[in-house]
Amino acid sequence: MDDHTLIRARGLTRRYGPTVAVDGLDLTLRKGEILGLLGPNGAGKSTTMKMLTGCLAPSAGSVQIRGQDPFARPEAAKRHLGYMPEVPPVYPELTVDEYLRFAARLHGVPRGDRAEALARAKTACGLDDMGRRLIGNLSKGYQQRTGLAQAIIHNPDVIVLDEPTVGLDPIQIREIRALVTDLGREHSVLLSSHILPEIQAVCDRVMIIAGGRVVYADSMAEAMRASFSSVIIGLREPPPENELLALADVGRVERIDAQHFRLHCRTDSSARDAWAAAAARHDWGLFELRPELRTLEDIFVELTTGETGAASPEREEAA
């Protein structure tokens, strides 16, 4: 395991009787990354997070945190890890300062360093004026901030956040996303969510999970780059559909009306020049040829529900 790899999971599997919650998942988190696990509710994200953080033993597979096995050497592994589960582990009867001092002791922060660690975590999470407030009297957003502060108080290499904005109002969601982005400048972050805009807003890389399996993994820049999934072709004298199906790279033909067809591509490559040449050669009277774009939202819906469909008009581009 190289110095730039902070978490590595291979073949991670978790079974509950006959139910397979996570099935052979591979994951790598490197220094300086914010990696988003995206999937619908019940996809296996929280189970994955619990196994990656050593809170739940896998049925099969392995996890390493900075080269350490969190089940064989939990203290050595978890020293590099900060974790905030979906429900922050806060105590409503404690003040923010009391709770964070307690968290610092649990994380093994030396006594002489605790005051500095507490001040640093509070500043990073926007809690400077909240130290004497009872956690039970704080808003949901500030309770989330407190949960984040305990996750970073020992200055870990990796921060793992499971659905960090669940139950927050829109303003609180924006604040927590901005906070996660700021934390990503100093730490590597693994973030799970079922909300697509959340992953798009803060992550460098995305993994889509469905049915406990990774069905898509790429950089956010690549995932956000729309690709061609189908093309609309307009012909004044259209041939039989079997002739359109015989065109290069066409996997399926869908008739829209008497003169318009949707050509579904086998790959993301465009054979539009060849189609235009064929239309001219056979006098089909080509008057329209434009791609429909496949975005990250389309990929997510298709891979998690099996649904495919036409791009909406606002996602279409003229050829």
Protein backbone atom coordinates (compact mmCIF):
# COMPACT_ATOMS: atom_id res chain seq x y z
CA MET A 1 0.00 0.00 0.00
CA ASP A 2 1.67 3.24 -1.16
CA ASP A 3 1.88 6.45 0.89
CA HIS A 4 -0.84 8.11 -1.20
CA THR A 5 -3.46 5.40 -0.58
CA LEU A 6 -5.31 5.98 2.69
CA ILE A 7 -8.17 3.46 2.45
CA ARG A 8 -8.22 0.31 0.35
CA ALA A 9 -11.04 -2.21 0.36
CA ARG A 10 -11.04 -5.35 -1.75
CA GLY A 11 -13.95 -7.73 -2.24
CA LEU A 12 -15.85 -6.18 0.66
CA THR A 13 -19.00 -8.22 1.32
CA ARG A 14 -21.63 -8.20 4.04
CA ARG A 15 -24.44 -10.73 4.34
CA TYR A 16 -27.41 -10.74 6.67
CA GLY A 17 -28.62 -14.30 6.35
CA PRO A 18 -29.70 -14.77 2.73
CA THR A 19 -29.58 -10.99 2.09
CA VAL A 20 -26.39 -9.59 0.57
CA ALA A 21 -26.16 -5.93 1.60
CA VAL A 22 -22.72 -5.32 0.06
CA ASP A 23 -21.38 -7.59 -2.66
CA GLY A 24 -17.66 -7.69 -3.54
CA LEU A 25 -17.04 -3.93 -3.31
CA ASP A 26 -13.60 -2.51 -4.20
CA LEU A 27 -12.73 1.03 -3.10
CA THR A 28 -9.61 3.19 -2.93
CA LEU A 29 -9.28 6.61 -1.31
CA ARG A 30 -6.12 8.62 -1.94
CA LYS A 31 -4.59 11.66 -0.35
CA GLY A 32 -6.29 14.93 -1.20
CA GLU A 33 -9.51 13.36 -2.53
CA ILE A 34 -13.14 13.88 -1.70
CA LEU A 35 -14.78 10.64 -2.83
CA GLY A 36 -18.56 10.42 -2.99
CA LEU A 37 -20.54 7.19 -2.60
CA LEU A 38 -23.80 7.83 -4.42
CA GLY A 39 -26.76 5.50 -4.37
CA PRO A 40 -30.46 5.25 -3.57
CA ASN A 41 -31.67 4.46 -0.07
CA GLY A 42 -30.96 0.81 0.69
CA ALA A 43 -28.09 0.55 -1.81
CA GLY A 44 -25.58 -0.50 0.86
CA LYS A 45 -23.82 2.83 1.49
CA SER A 46 -24.15 2.90 5.28
CA THR A 47 -23.18 -0.78 5.58
CA THR A 48 -20.10 -0.02 3.47
CA MET A 49 -19.20 2.94 5.68
CA LYS A 50 -19.53 0.84 8.84
CA MET A 51 -17.20 -1.82 7.42
CA LEU A 52 -14.66 0.71 6.17
CA THR A 53 -14.49 2.32 9.61
CA GLY A 54 -14.21 -0.94 11.53
CA CYS A 55 -17.67 -0.64 13.12
CA LEU A 56 -19.03 -3.72 11.34
CA ALA A 57 -17.08 -6.85 10.41
CA PRO A 58 -17.34 -7.86 6.74
CA SER A 59 -18.54 -11.34 5.82
CA ALA A 60 -15.72 -11.46 3.27
CA GLY A 61 -13.05 -9.18 1.84
CA SER A 62 -10.52 -6.87 3.45
CA VAL A 63 -10.06 -3.25 4.52
CA GLN A 64 -6.85 -1.36 5.15
CA ILE A 65 -6.58 2.13 6.63
CA ARG A 66 -3.10 3.50 6.07
CA GLY A 67 -1.93 -0.09 5.72
CA GLN A 68 -3.56 -1.21 8.98
CA ASP A 69 -6.40 -3.72 9.32
CA PRO A 70 -9.14 -2.07 11.43
CA PHE A 71 -10.23 -5.45 12.79
CA ALA A 72 -6.79 -6.93 13.55
CA ARG A 73 -5.28 -3.64 14.80
CA PRO A 74 -8.22 -1.32 15.49
CA GLU A 75 -6.38 1.32 17.52
CA ALA A 76 -3.56 1.68 14.98
CA ALA A 77 -6.03 1.86 12.07
CA LYS A 78 -8.58 4.19 13.64
CA ARG A 79 -5.91 6.66 14.68
CA HIS A 80 -5.97 7.83 11.06
CA LEU A 81 -9.75 7.98 10.84
CA GLY A 82 -12.52 10.38 11.80
CA TYR A 83 -16.09 9.13 11.41
CA MET A 84 -19.48 10.80 11.59
CA PRO A 85 -22.34 8.34 11.10
CA GLU A 86 -25.73 9.36 9.74
CA VAL A 87 -26.93 10.11 13.28
CA PRO A 88 -24.12 12.09 14.99
CA PRO A 89 -23.00 10.42 18.26
CA VAL A 90 -23.56 13.50 20.42
CA TYR A 91 -24.79 13.72 24.01
CA PRO A 92 -27.55 16.32 24.46
CA GLU A 93 -26.86 16.78 28.18
CA LEU A 94 -23.25 17.91 27.56
CA THR A 95 -22.02 21.28 26.39
CA VAL A 96 -20.10 21.42 23.12
CA ASP A 97 -16.79 21.88 24.97
CA GLU A 98 -17.49 19.02 27.38
CA TYR A 99 -18.37 16.71 24.54
CA LEU A 100 -15.33 17.62 22.45
CA ARG A 101 -12.98 17.18 25.41
CA PHE A 102 -14.52 13.74 25.90
CA ALA A 103 -14.06 12.96 22.18
CA ALA A 104 -10.43 14.12 22.36
CA ARG A 105 -9.75 11.67 25.21
CA LEU A 106 -11.43 8.84 23.30
CA HIS A 107 -9.32 9.62 20.22
CA GLY A 108 -6.13 9.54 22.27
CA VAL A 109 -5.22 13.21 22.00
CA PRO A 110 -2.50 13.86 24.62
CA ARG A 111 -3.70 15.88 27.61
CA GLY A 112 -1.36 18.78 26.86
CA ASP A 113 -2.65 19.04 23.27
CA ARG A 114 -6.38 18.87 23.98
CA ALA A 115 -7.06 22.59 24.39
CA GLU A 116 -5.39 23.36 21.08
CA ALA A 117 -7.16 20.43 19.36
CA LEU A 118 -10.53 21.58 20.73
CA ALA A 119 -9.99 25.17 19.58
CA ARG A 120 -8.88 24.03 16.12
CA ALA A 121 -11.87 21.72 15.65
CA LYS A 122 -14.34 24.36 16.83
CA THR A 123 -12.91 26.97 14.48
CA ALA A 124 -12.92 24.57 11.54
CA CYS A 125 -16.57 23.70 12.18
CA GLY A 126 -17.86 27.19 12.99
CA LEU A 127 -18.43 26.47 16.69
CA ASP A 128 -16.28 29.17 18.29
CA ASP A 129 -19.25 30.78 20.06
CA MET A 130 -20.99 27.50 20.97
CA GLY A 131 -18.61 25.99 23.52
CA ARG A 132 -20.84 26.57 26.57
CA ARG A 133 -24.12 25.71 24.87
CA LEU A 134 -25.87 22.45 25.65
CA ILE A 135 -25.87 20.22 22.59
CA GLY A 136 -29.53 19.38 23.20
CA ASN A 137 -30.42 23.05 22.76
CA LEU A 138 -28.58 23.42 19.44
CA SER A 139 -30.24 23.37 16.03
CA LYS A 140 -29.89 20.25 13.90
CA GLY A 141 -27.28 22.05 11.80
CA TYR A 142 -25.09 22.88 14.79
CA GLN A 143 -25.46 19.35 16.13
CA GLN A 144 -24.11 18.16 12.77
CA ARG A 145 -21.22 20.61 13.11
CA THR A 146 -20.51 19.23 16.56
CA GLY A 147 -20.50 15.70 15.16
CA LEU A 148 -18.05 16.84 12.51
CA ALA A 149 -15.85 18.49 15.12
CA GLN A 150 -15.49 15.22 17.05
CA ALA A 151 -14.54 13.48 13.81
CA ILE A 152 -11.62 15.84 13.19
CA ILE A 153 -10.49 16.71 16.72
CA HIS A 154 -7.54 14.27 16.51
CA ASN A 155 -6.56 15.66 13.07
CA PRO A 156 -7.05 12.37 11.16
CA ASP A 157 -5.88 11.68 7.62
CA VAL A 158 -9.36 10.54 6.56
CA ILE A 159 -12.82 11.83 7.43
CA VAL A 160 -15.77 9.51 6.73
CA LEU A 161 -19.19 11.17 6.59
CA ASP A 162 -22.38 9.15 6.20
CA GLU A 163 -25.27 11.25 4.84
CA PRO A 164 -24.05 14.44 6.60
CA THR A 165 -26.95 16.67 5.49
CA VAL A 166 -29.92 14.39 6.24
CA GLY A 167 -32.67 16.30 8.02
CA LEU A 168 -31.19 19.75 7.47
CA ASP A 169 -32.92 22.76 5.94
CA PRO A 170 -31.59 24.25 2.68
CA ILE A 171 -29.45 26.90 4.40
CA GLN A 172 -27.93 24.34 6.77
CA ILE A 173 -27.25 22.01 3.84
CA ARG A 174 -25.30 24.72 2.05
CA GLU A 175 -23.32 25.46 5.20
CA ILE A 176 -22.40 21.80 5.76
CA ARG A 177 -21.40 21.36 2.11
CA ALA A 178 -19.15 24.41 2.33
CA LEU A 179 -17.67 23.01 5.53
CA VAL A 180 -16.97 19.65 3.89
CA THR A 181 -15.26 21.42 0.98
CA ASP A 182 -13.07 23.33 3.44
CA LEU A 183 -12.20 20.14 5.32
CA GLY A 184 -11.23 18.53 2.01
CA ARG A 185 -8.34 20.98 1.72
CA GLU A 186 -6.67 19.48 4.79
CA HIS A 187 -8.01 15.92 4.86
CA SER A 188 -9.17 13.20 2.51
CA VAL A 189 -12.95 12.79 2.75
CA LEU A 190 -15.23 9.85 2.03
CA LEU A 191 -18.82 11.05 1.78
CA SER A 192 -21.98 9.04 1.21
CA SER A 193 -25.27 10.46 -0.05
CA HIS A 194 -28.37 9.58 -2.04
CA ILE A 195 -28.59 13.21 -3.22
CA LEU A 196 -26.96 13.79 -6.60
CA PRO A 197 -26.43 17.59 -6.24
CA GLU A 198 -24.60 16.99 -2.97
CA ILE A 199 -22.06 14.71 -4.63
CA GLN A 200 -21.70 17.11 -7.54
CA ALA A 201 -21.17 20.06 -5.21
CA VAL A 202 -18.28 18.74 -3.12
CA CYS A 203 -16.69 15.58 -4.58
CA ASP A 204 -13.66 15.02 -6.83
CA ARG A 205 -14.61 11.44 -7.65
CA VAL A 206 -17.87 9.49 -7.59
CA MET A 207 -18.81 5.84 -7.11
CA ILE A 208 -22.41 4.80 -7.74
CA ILE A 209 -23.64 1.86 -5.68
CA ALA A 210 -26.77 -0.13 -6.45
CA GLY A 211 -27.80 -3.40 -4.87
CA GLY A 212 -24.60 -3.47 -2.84
CA ARG A 213 -22.37 -3.32 -5.92
CA VAL A 214 -20.29 -0.60 -7.52
CA VAL A 215 -21.92 0.04 -10.90
CA TYR A 216 -20.02 3.18 -11.87
CA ALA A 217 -16.76 4.84 -10.79
CA ASP A 218 -15.02 7.84 -12.34
CA SER A 219 -13.69 11.30 -11.65
CA MET A 220 -16.35 13.95 -11.18
CA ALA A 221 -14.95 15.89 -14.13
CA GLU A 222 -15.44 12.87 -16.38
CA ALA A 223 -18.82 12.01 -14.87
CA MET A 224 -20.07 15.56 -15.44
CA ARG A 225 -18.97 15.51 -19.06
CA ALA A 226 -22.11 14.62 -21.01
CA SER A 227 -21.77 11.87 -23.57
CA PHE A 228 -23.88 10.81 -26.53
CA SER A 229 -26.39 8.08 -25.77
CA SER A 230 -28.70 8.62 -28.73
CA VAL A 231 -29.12 10.83 -31.79
CA ILE A 232 -32.25 12.30 -33.36
CA ILE A 233 -32.27 12.06 -37.14
CA GLY A 234 -34.82 13.75 -39.40
CA LEU A 235 -35.34 12.40 -42.94
CA ARG A 236 -37.80 13.63 -45.59
CA GLU A 237 -37.71 10.27 -47.39
CA PRO A 238 -36.89 7.78 -44.63
CA PRO A 239 -35.95 4.21 -45.52
CA PRO A 240 -37.27 1.10 -43.74
CA GLU A 241 -36.09 0.96 -40.14
CA ASN A 242 -33.92 -2.09 -40.82
CA GLU A 243 -31.73 0.06 -43.10
CA LEU A 244 -31.24 2.60 -40.29
CA LEU A 245 -30.43 -0.25 -37.92
CA ALA A 246 -27.68 -1.37 -40.32
CA LEU A 247 -25.86 1.98 -39.97
CA ALA A 248 -22.53 2.02 -38.14
CA ASP A 249 -22.76 2.02 -34.32
CA VAL A 250 -26.58 1.88 -34.24
CA GLY A 251 -27.88 -0.58 -31.67
CA ARG A 252 -31.58 0.27 -31.77
CA VAL A 253 -33.95 2.45 -33.81
CA GLU A 254 -36.97 4.15 -32.28
CA ARG A 255 -39.54 5.86 -34.53
CA ILE A 256 -40.69 9.24 -33.17
CA ASP A 257 -42.96 10.26 -36.06
CA ALA A 258 -43.10 9.80 -39.85
CA GLN A 259 -39.81 11.65 -40.43
CA HIS A 260 -37.97 11.51 -37.09
CA PHE A 261 -36.10 8.59 -35.53
CA ARG A 262 -34.03 8.12 -32.41
CA LEU A 263 -30.86 6.14 -33.09
CA HIS A 264 -29.49 4.51 -29.92
CA CYS A 265 -25.71 4.20 -30.08
CA ARG A 266 -23.84 1.06 -29.09
CA THR A 267 -20.93 3.14 -27.76
CA ASP A 268 -20.30 6.77 -26.86
CA SER A 269 -18.44 7.36 -30.11
CA SER A 270 -20.26 9.38 -32.76
CA ALA A 271 -20.76 8.01 -36.28
CA ARG A 272 -22.78 11.04 -37.38
CA ASP A 273 -20.54 11.77 -40.38
CA ALA A 274 -21.09 8.25 -41.70
CA TRP A 275 -24.87 8.58 -41.16
CA ALA A 276 -24.94 11.91 -43.01
CA ALA A 277 -22.97 10.38 -45.88
CA ALA A 278 -25.38 7.41 -46.06
CA ALA A 279 -28.39 9.75 -46.06
CA ALA A 280 -26.89 11.77 -48.95
CA ARG A 281 -25.94 8.63 -50.88
CA HIS A 282 -29.45 7.18 -50.65
CA ASP A 283 -31.34 10.50 -51.09
CA TRP A 284 -33.10 10.21 -47.74
CA GLY A 285 -33.38 14.00 -47.50
CA LEU A 286 -31.50 14.57 -44.25
CA PHE A 287 -32.69 17.77 -42.56
CA GLU A 288 -31.85 17.15 -38.88
CA LEU A 289 -29.10 15.33 -37.00
CA ARG A 290 -28.52 16.17 -33.33
CA PRO A 291 -27.27 14.28 -30.31
CA GLU A 292 -29.12 13.73 -27.09
CA LEU A 293 -26.82 14.04 -24.13
CA ARG A 294 -26.38 11.50 -21.33
CA THR A 295 -25.53 13.27 -18.08
CA LEU A 296 -24.54 12.02 -14.63
CA GLU A 297 -28.21 12.15 -13.66
CA ASP A 298 -29.09 9.89 -16.60
CA ILE A 299 -26.28 7.50 -15.65
CA PHE A 300 -27.46 7.41 -12.04
CA VAL A 301 -31.10 6.74 -12.96
CA GLU A 302 -30.19 4.12 -15.54
CA LEU A 303 -27.78 2.22 -13.29
CA THR A 304 -29.90 2.31 -10.15
CA THR A 305 -33.35 1.76 -11.63
CA GLY A 306 -32.73 0.25 -15.05
CA GLU A 307 -34.72 3.05 -16.67
CA THR A 308 -33.58 4.62 -19.93
CA GLY A 309 -35.20 7.42 -21.82
CA ALA A 310 -34.81 10.46 -23.98
CA ALA A 311 -32.87 13.42 -22.77
CA SER A 312 -34.93 16.38 -21.73
CA PRO A 313 -35.00 19.31 -24.16
CA GLU A 314 -32.79 21.46 -21.94
CA ARG A 315 -30.04 18.82 -22.18
CA GLU A 316 -30.09 18.58 -25.96
CA GLU A 317 -27.56 20.32 -28.14
CA ALA A 318 -27.69 21.15 -31.80
CA ALA A 319 -25.24 19.21 -33.90
